[in-house]
Amino acid sequence: MSFRRPMRPTTTSAVILLVLLVLFLILVTLGMAYTPVEVGTVALIKRFGGLTGAVLEPGLHWRIPFIDQVIVIPTVVLSYETSDNPDTSGANYPDYPVNAQTIDGQQVIIKYTVLFRIPPQQVVRIVQNVGRPNDVVENVIKAHSRNLSRLWAQNYTAEDLYSGEGIFNYEMRVQEELAGELEKYGVILESFLVRKVEFDEDYIRAIEQQQIAQEAIETASYEAEAAKYKKEEQIRLAEAEAERIKLQAAADAERIKLQAAAEAERIRLQAAAEAERQRLLADAEAYSIKTRGEALSQFPQLVQWEFVRNLQNVRWGILPGENLTPLIPLPTGEGQTTE
């Protein structure tokens, strides 16, 4: 019985495999030596468990393979948000709302958003003292924002937080305090935004009733003020009407006075004109009589002519005789006369 010895690779094949293995290791090493850093982030080098202090800006950087580890830290604005449904929130770090109590004992639920940023120049300090972004959110952002939002709510009444002005003041106070706390760790606070403060339904109904009552008071006050204004307006209108009547009466009196003066002047002028006319007529009559007298004295025969002319319309008459008074018939109508 014979045994066949197994075939061994030739020396050439072994050399080729070794070369390929070395090339593969070199490529892997080179790939691990170069580290790309994305925009909006920086990278820290961790060597033998500690940070080297180097902060790699966005771009391609060199590190020692198998020894240096890369820690990527985002430097863009991040958001921590409290809401009823954290799973559906679009924030970087969602959480549940904060329960707080106002100074007058009302329970409120505060929903807010914290916008913060880790500055590149503070990355080493923050990572060494606090940790990575998740640690920063959990131990700094979450802890201080929830605590301050709860504590500052105790300085306001429920009515203060119910109105827009009170919420704005509350938001500014918490933001100032929170910015100071985050600055101690090197974190920059961009904004603290109160999205909503929820109240108990009984309190909301009470506030609504109070507002309705207040509106009723304001309405009554407005109506009273309107009535007062209307009264004053009526007084002003009455005074204006009285002044108008007074001025109208004065104008009418002046007009009547002027009309009377004009009428008196007209009558005077008319009387003067009539007197002048009568004077002229009298002068004319006197002149006529004078002229006729002079004519009769110069021409006596004109007396007979005048007598005949006056008898033109007389149908009959009695001529005077001796010792008789002449009678001239006076006509009383057609075909009748009187003696």
Protein backbone atom coordinates (compact mmCIF):
# COMPACT_ATOMS: atom_id res chain seq x y z
CA MET A 1 0.00 0.00 0.00
CA SER A 2 1.48 3.36 -1.02
CA PHE A 3 0.75 6.98 0.22
CA ARG A 4 0.88 10.13 -2.00
CA ARG A 5 2.52 13.12 -0.34
CA PRO A 6 0.42 16.44 -0.51
CA MET A 7 1.48 19.02 -3.02
CA ARG A 8 3.20 22.18 -1.64
CA PRO A 9 2.94 25.61 -3.29
CA THR A 10 5.92 26.61 -5.14
CA THR A 11 8.23 29.32 -3.88
CA THR A 12 7.03 31.73 -6.58
CA SER A 13 3.41 31.44 -5.55
CA ALA A 14 4.30 32.05 -1.92
CA VAL A 15 6.22 35.17 -2.81
CA ILE A 16 3.30 36.52 -4.88
CA LEU A 17 0.86 35.93 -2.07
CA LEU A 18 3.18 37.65 0.39
CA VAL A 19 3.56 40.69 -1.86
CA LEU A 20 -0.19 40.95 -2.32
CA LEU A 21 -0.72 40.73 1.40
CA VAL A 22 1.83 43.46 2.05
CA LEU A 23 0.22 45.72 -0.59
CA PHE A 24 -3.20 45.15 0.96
CA LEU A 25 -1.90 46.05 4.40
CA ILE A 26 -0.25 49.17 3.01
CA LEU A 27 -3.46 50.27 1.31
CA VAL A 28 -5.47 49.66 4.46
CA THR A 29 -2.92 51.57 6.51
CA LEU A 30 -2.93 54.48 4.08
CA GLY A 31 -6.73 54.50 4.10
CA MET A 32 -6.76 54.66 7.87
CA ALA A 33 -4.07 57.34 7.93
CA TYR A 34 -6.19 59.93 6.09
CA THR A 35 -9.31 61.22 7.82
CA PRO A 36 -11.90 63.40 6.02
CA VAL A 37 -13.75 65.96 8.20
CA GLU A 38 -17.19 67.05 6.95
CA VAL A 39 -18.48 70.62 6.82
CA GLY A 40 -20.24 71.63 10.06
CA THR A 41 -18.04 69.39 12.20
CA VAL A 42 -14.56 69.25 13.68
CA ALA A 43 -12.53 66.19 14.66
CA LEU A 44 -10.44 65.47 17.76
CA ILE A 45 -7.57 62.98 17.87
CA LYS A 46 -7.64 60.53 20.75
CA ARG A 47 -4.27 58.79 21.31
CA PHE A 48 -3.63 56.22 24.03
CA GLY A 49 -6.84 57.22 25.82
CA GLY A 50 -6.20 60.97 25.89
CA LEU A 51 -6.80 63.88 23.55
CA THR A 52 -3.84 65.29 21.68
CA GLY A 53 -5.39 68.76 21.70
CA ALA A 54 -5.48 68.97 17.91
CA VAL A 55 -8.75 70.18 16.37
CA LEU A 56 -9.16 69.10 12.77
CA GLU A 57 -11.17 71.56 10.66
CA PRO A 58 -13.29 70.39 7.68
CA GLY A 59 -11.08 68.80 5.03
CA LEU A 60 -8.64 65.85 4.67
CA HIS A 61 -6.18 65.24 7.54
CA TRP A 62 -3.41 62.77 8.49
CA ARG A 63 -3.40 60.59 11.61
CA ILE A 64 -1.38 57.68 12.85
CA PRO A 65 -3.14 54.46 11.83
CA PHE A 66 -4.17 51.95 14.50
CA ILE A 67 -3.14 54.40 17.21
CA ASP A 68 -5.08 57.63 16.72
CA GLN A 69 -8.85 57.54 17.06
CA VAL A 70 -11.11 60.25 15.63
CA ILE A 71 -13.92 61.90 17.63
CA VAL A 72 -16.27 63.94 15.41
CA ILE A 73 -18.05 66.86 17.07
CA PRO A 74 -20.79 68.88 15.27
CA THR A 75 -20.38 72.64 15.41
CA VAL A 76 -23.70 73.58 13.78
CA VAL A 77 -26.73 74.74 15.76
CA LEU A 78 -28.41 71.83 17.53
CA SER A 79 -31.87 71.70 19.08
CA TYR A 80 -33.22 70.27 22.31
CA GLU A 81 -37.05 70.28 22.32
CA THR A 82 -39.77 69.26 24.76
CA SER A 83 -43.08 68.11 23.29
CA ASP A 84 -45.96 65.73 23.94
CA ASN A 85 -44.70 63.31 21.27
CA PRO A 86 -40.90 63.25 21.26
CA ASP A 87 -40.86 60.36 18.78
CA THR A 88 -42.42 62.57 16.09
CA SER A 89 -40.31 65.64 16.87
CA GLY A 90 -37.82 66.84 14.28
CA ALA A 91 -35.38 68.16 16.88
CA ASN A 92 -31.90 66.73 17.30
CA TYR A 93 -32.65 65.83 20.93
CA PRO A 94 -36.40 65.49 21.72
CA ASP A 95 -37.77 65.15 25.26
CA TYR A 96 -40.99 65.37 27.26
CA PRO A 97 -42.46 68.69 28.56
CA VAL A 98 -41.68 70.21 31.95
CA ASN A 99 -44.27 70.28 34.72
CA ALA A 100 -44.08 73.44 36.82
CA GLN A 101 -46.08 75.43 39.34
CA THR A 102 -46.78 79.16 39.32
CA ILE A 103 -46.47 81.46 42.32
CA ASP A 104 -50.24 81.26 42.87
CA GLY A 105 -50.24 77.46 42.88
CA GLN A 106 -51.42 76.72 39.34
CA GLN A 107 -49.97 73.64 37.64
CA VAL A 108 -48.62 74.33 34.15
CA ILE A 109 -46.92 72.32 31.42
CA ILE A 110 -44.11 74.15 29.62
CA LYS A 111 -43.03 73.23 26.12
CA TYR A 112 -39.88 74.90 24.87
CA THR A 113 -36.94 74.59 22.48
CA VAL A 114 -33.26 75.22 23.23
CA LEU A 115 -30.98 76.08 20.32
CA PHE A 116 -27.30 75.73 21.19
CA ARG A 117 -23.93 75.34 19.54
CA ILE A 118 -20.53 73.87 20.46
CA PRO A 119 -17.87 76.35 19.26
CA PRO A 120 -14.74 74.81 17.63
CA GLN A 121 -12.36 76.64 19.97
CA GLN A 122 -14.10 75.08 23.00
CA VAL A 123 -14.42 71.52 21.67
CA VAL A 124 -11.40 70.09 23.52
CA ARG A 125 -12.45 71.66 26.82
CA ILE A 126 -16.07 70.50 26.45
CA VAL A 127 -15.18 66.92 25.53
CA GLN A 128 -12.65 66.67 28.36
CA ASN A 129 -14.96 68.16 31.02
CA VAL A 130 -18.44 67.13 29.88
CA GLY A 131 -18.18 64.60 27.08
CA ARG A 132 -19.54 64.21 23.61
CA PRO A 133 -22.71 66.03 22.33
CA ASN A 134 -25.04 63.44 23.86
CA ASP A 135 -23.38 64.00 27.23
CA VAL A 136 -23.56 67.78 26.77
CA VAL A 137 -27.30 67.57 26.09
CA GLU A 138 -28.03 65.21 28.95
CA ASN A 139 -25.79 66.80 31.61
CA VAL A 140 -25.90 70.49 30.63
CA ILE A 141 -28.69 71.47 28.23
CA LYS A 142 -31.38 69.20 29.62
CA ALA A 143 -30.46 69.57 33.27
CA HIS A 144 -30.21 73.36 33.36
CA SER A 145 -33.04 74.21 30.95
CA ARG A 146 -35.58 72.02 32.72
CA ASN A 147 -34.49 73.26 36.12
CA LEU A 148 -34.52 76.95 35.21
CA SER A 149 -37.82 76.77 33.33
CA ARG A 150 -39.38 75.16 36.40
CA LEU A 151 -37.82 77.58 38.90
CA TRP A 152 -38.64 80.77 36.99
CA ALA A 153 -42.26 79.68 36.55
CA GLN A 154 -42.58 80.00 40.35
CA ASN A 155 -41.87 83.75 40.03
CA TYR A 156 -44.94 84.39 37.86
CA THR A 157 -48.65 84.09 38.36
CA ALA A 158 -50.71 81.92 36.07
CA GLU A 159 -52.27 85.04 34.61
CA ASP A 160 -48.78 86.39 33.78
CA LEU A 161 -47.91 83.23 31.86
CA TYR A 162 -51.34 83.19 30.21
CA SER A 163 -50.76 86.52 28.49
CA GLY A 164 -48.31 87.13 25.67
CA GLU A 165 -46.36 89.83 27.51
CA GLY A 166 -45.85 87.63 30.59
CA ILE A 167 -44.61 84.70 28.50
CA PHE A 168 -42.19 86.98 26.68
CA ASN A 169 -40.78 88.26 29.97
CA TYR A 170 -40.52 84.72 31.35
CA GLU A 171 -38.76 83.55 28.19
CA MET A 172 -36.20 86.37 28.39
CA ARG A 173 -35.44 85.65 32.06
CA VAL A 174 -34.87 81.94 31.51
CA GLN A 175 -32.74 82.65 28.44
CA GLU A 176 -30.48 85.02 30.37
CA GLU A 177 -29.97 82.54 33.19
CA LEU A 178 -29.50 79.57 30.86
CA ALA A 179 -26.97 81.43 28.71
CA GLY A 180 -24.88 82.09 31.82
CA GLU A 181 -25.00 78.45 32.90
CA LEU A 182 -24.03 77.10 29.45
CA GLU A 183 -21.21 79.60 29.16
CA LYS A 184 -19.55 77.98 32.18
CA TYR A 185 -19.13 74.82 30.11
CA GLY A 186 -18.14 76.61 26.90
CA VAL A 187 -21.47 75.96 25.18
CA ILE A 188 -23.13 78.85 23.33
CA LEU A 189 -26.88 79.36 23.75
CA GLU A 190 -28.52 80.62 20.56
CA SER A 191 -32.13 80.84 21.78
CA PHE A 192 -34.54 79.68 24.43
CA LEU A 193 -38.00 79.57 22.86
CA VAL A 194 -41.20 78.97 24.80
CA ARG A 195 -43.57 77.33 22.34
CA LYS A 196 -46.55 76.85 24.65
CA VAL A 197 -47.62 76.96 28.28
CA GLU A 198 -50.57 74.68 28.99
CA PHE A 199 -52.94 75.20 31.92
CA ASP A 200 -55.52 73.09 33.68
CA GLU A 201 -58.88 73.14 31.92
CA ASP A 202 -60.64 74.48 35.03
CA TYR A 203 -58.24 77.40 35.13
CA ILE A 204 -58.74 78.06 31.42
CA ARG A 205 -62.50 78.14 31.93
CA ALA A 206 -62.07 80.48 34.89
CA ILE A 207 -59.83 82.75 32.82
CA GLU A 208 -62.35 82.72 29.98
CA GLN A 209 -65.15 83.65 32.39
CA GLN A 210 -62.97 86.38 33.83
CA GLN A 211 -62.21 87.68 30.39
CA ILE A 212 -65.91 87.62 29.51
CA ALA A 213 -66.68 89.58 32.67
CA GLN A 214 -63.85 91.99 31.93
CA GLU A 215 -65.09 92.45 28.41
CA ALA A 216 -68.59 93.12 29.77
CA ILE A 217 -67.14 95.73 32.13
CA GLU A 218 -65.15 97.28 29.34
CA THR A 219 -68.23 97.25 27.12
CA ALA A 220 -70.31 98.95 29.81
CA SER A 221 -67.53 101.46 30.40
CA TYR A 222 -67.30 102.06 26.69
CA GLU A 223 -71.07 102.53 26.43
CA ALA A 224 -71.02 104.93 29.39
CA GLU A 225 -68.18 106.84 27.82
CA ALA A 226 -70.03 106.82 24.51
CA ALA A 227 -73.18 108.14 26.23
CA LYS A 228 -71.13 110.84 27.92
CA TYR A 229 -69.56 111.75 24.62
CA LYS A 230 -72.98 111.74 22.95
CA LYS A 231 -74.34 114.00 25.69
CA GLU A 232 -71.44 116.40 25.27
CA GLU A 233 -71.92 116.25 21.53
CA GLN A 234 -75.62 117.09 21.90
CA ILE A 235 -74.70 119.99 24.21
CA ARG A 236 -72.20 121.23 21.64
CA LEU A 237 -74.80 120.85 18.90
CA ALA A 238 -77.41 122.74 21.00
CA GLU A 239 -74.90 125.50 21.72
CA ALA A 240 -74.00 125.64 18.06
CA GLU A 241 -77.70 125.76 17.11
CA ALA A 242 -78.32 128.53 19.65
CA GLU A 243 -75.37 130.46 18.31
CA ARG A 244 -76.64 129.89 14.77
CA ILE A 245 -80.13 131.14 15.75
CA LYS A 246 -78.56 134.12 17.49
CA LEU A 247 -76.48 134.97 14.46
CA GLN A 248 -79.46 134.36 12.18
CA ALA A 249 -81.64 136.65 14.33
CA ALA A 250 -78.95 139.32 14.31
CA ALA A 251 -78.63 138.92 10.55
CA ASP A 252 -82.43 139.09 10.11
CA ALA A 253 -82.62 142.17 12.35
CA GLU A 254 -79.85 143.80 10.39
CA ARG A 255 -81.55 142.83 7.13
CA ILE A 256 -84.92 144.20 8.34
CA LYS A 257 -83.16 147.35 9.55
CA LEU A 258 -81.49 147.77 6.18
CA GLN A 259 -84.77 147.02 4.38
CA ALA A 260 -86.61 149.56 6.59
CA ALA A 261 -83.91 152.13 5.96
CA ALA A 262 -84.06 151.40 2.25
CA GLU A 263 -87.87 151.61 2.29
CA ALA A 264 -87.76 154.86 4.24
CA GLU A 265 -85.23 156.23 1.82
CA ARG A 266 -87.39 155.06 -1.08
CA ILE A 267 -90.49 156.72 0.42
CA ARG A 268 -88.53 159.88 1.12
CA LEU A 269 -87.17 159.94 -2.39
CA GLN A 270 -90.62 159.12 -3.79
CA ALA A 271 -92.23 161.86 -1.64
CA ALA A 272 -89.56 164.29 -2.71
CA ALA A 273 -90.10 163.29 -6.30
CA GLU A 274 -93.89 163.61 -5.90
CA ALA A 275 -93.49 166.96 -4.22
CA GLU A 276 -91.20 168.05 -6.99
CA ARG A 277 -93.71 166.76 -9.52
CA GLN A 278 -96.59 168.61 -7.80
CA ARG A 279 -94.47 171.72 -7.62
CA LEU A 280 -93.64 171.43 -11.27
CA LEU A 281 -97.31 170.78 -12.10
CA ALA A 282 -98.36 173.75 -9.98
CA ASP A 283 -95.75 175.89 -11.65
CA ALA A 284 -96.95 174.67 -15.02
CA GLU A 285 -100.61 175.33 -14.09
CA ALA A 286 -99.76 178.75 -12.76
CA TYR A 287 -97.79 179.47 -15.86
CA SER A 288 -100.71 178.22 -17.98
CA ILE A 289 -103.23 180.35 -16.09
CA LYS A 290 -100.95 183.34 -16.30
CA THR A 291 -100.43 182.76 -19.99
CA ARG A 292 -104.15 182.32 -20.63
CA GLY A 293 -104.95 185.39 -18.59
CA GLU A 294 -102.47 187.43 -20.54
CA ALA A 295 -103.86 186.01 -23.77
CA LEU A 296 -107.48 186.81 -22.78
CA SER A 297 -106.53 190.31 -21.72
CA GLN A 298 -104.84 190.88 -25.06
CA PHE A 299 -107.46 189.07 -27.11
CA PRO A 300 -111.01 189.44 -25.54
CA GLN A 301 -112.59 187.53 -28.39
CA LEU A 302 -111.01 184.41 -27.00
CA VAL A 303 -113.58 184.47 -24.20
CA GLN A 304 -116.35 183.88 -26.70
CA TRP A 305 -114.28 181.15 -28.31
CA GLU A 306 -113.70 179.45 -24.99
CA PHE A 307 -117.41 179.65 -24.23
CA VAL A 308 -118.32 178.04 -27.51
CA ARG A 309 -115.68 175.35 -27.08
CA ASN A 310 -117.08 174.46 -23.64
CA LEU A 311 -120.58 174.09 -25.14
CA GLN A 312 -119.52 171.45 -27.70
CA ASN A 313 -120.85 168.53 -25.60
CA VAL A 314 -123.97 170.32 -24.28
CA ARG A 315 -127.21 169.19 -26.00
CA TRP A 316 -129.41 171.96 -24.65
CA GLY A 317 -129.38 174.78 -22.11
CA ILE A 318 -131.00 177.95 -21.00
CA LEU A 319 -129.27 181.15 -21.87
CA PRO A 320 -129.38 183.79 -19.19
CA GLY A 321 -131.70 186.67 -19.50
CA GLU A 322 -131.92 189.79 -17.51
CA ASN A 323 -131.84 189.31 -13.76
CA LEU A 324 -131.67 185.49 -14.27
CA THR A 325 -128.93 183.20 -13.06
CA PRO A 326 -127.66 181.13 -15.97
CA LEU A 327 -128.26 177.40 -15.69
CA ILE A 328 -126.12 174.97 -17.54
CA PRO A 329 -127.55 171.44 -17.85
CA LEU A 330 -125.40 168.78 -16.32
CA PRO A 331 -125.47 165.39 -18.08
CA THR A 332 -126.39 162.43 -15.81
CA GLY A 333 -126.65 159.80 -18.50
CA GLU A 334 -127.42 159.24 -22.11
CA GLY A 335 -130.40 161.35 -23.07
CA GLN A 336 -130.98 162.68 -19.46
CA THR A 337 -130.08 165.91 -17.72
CA THR A 338 -130.66 167.57 -14.36
CA GLU A 339 -131.38 171.17 -13.63
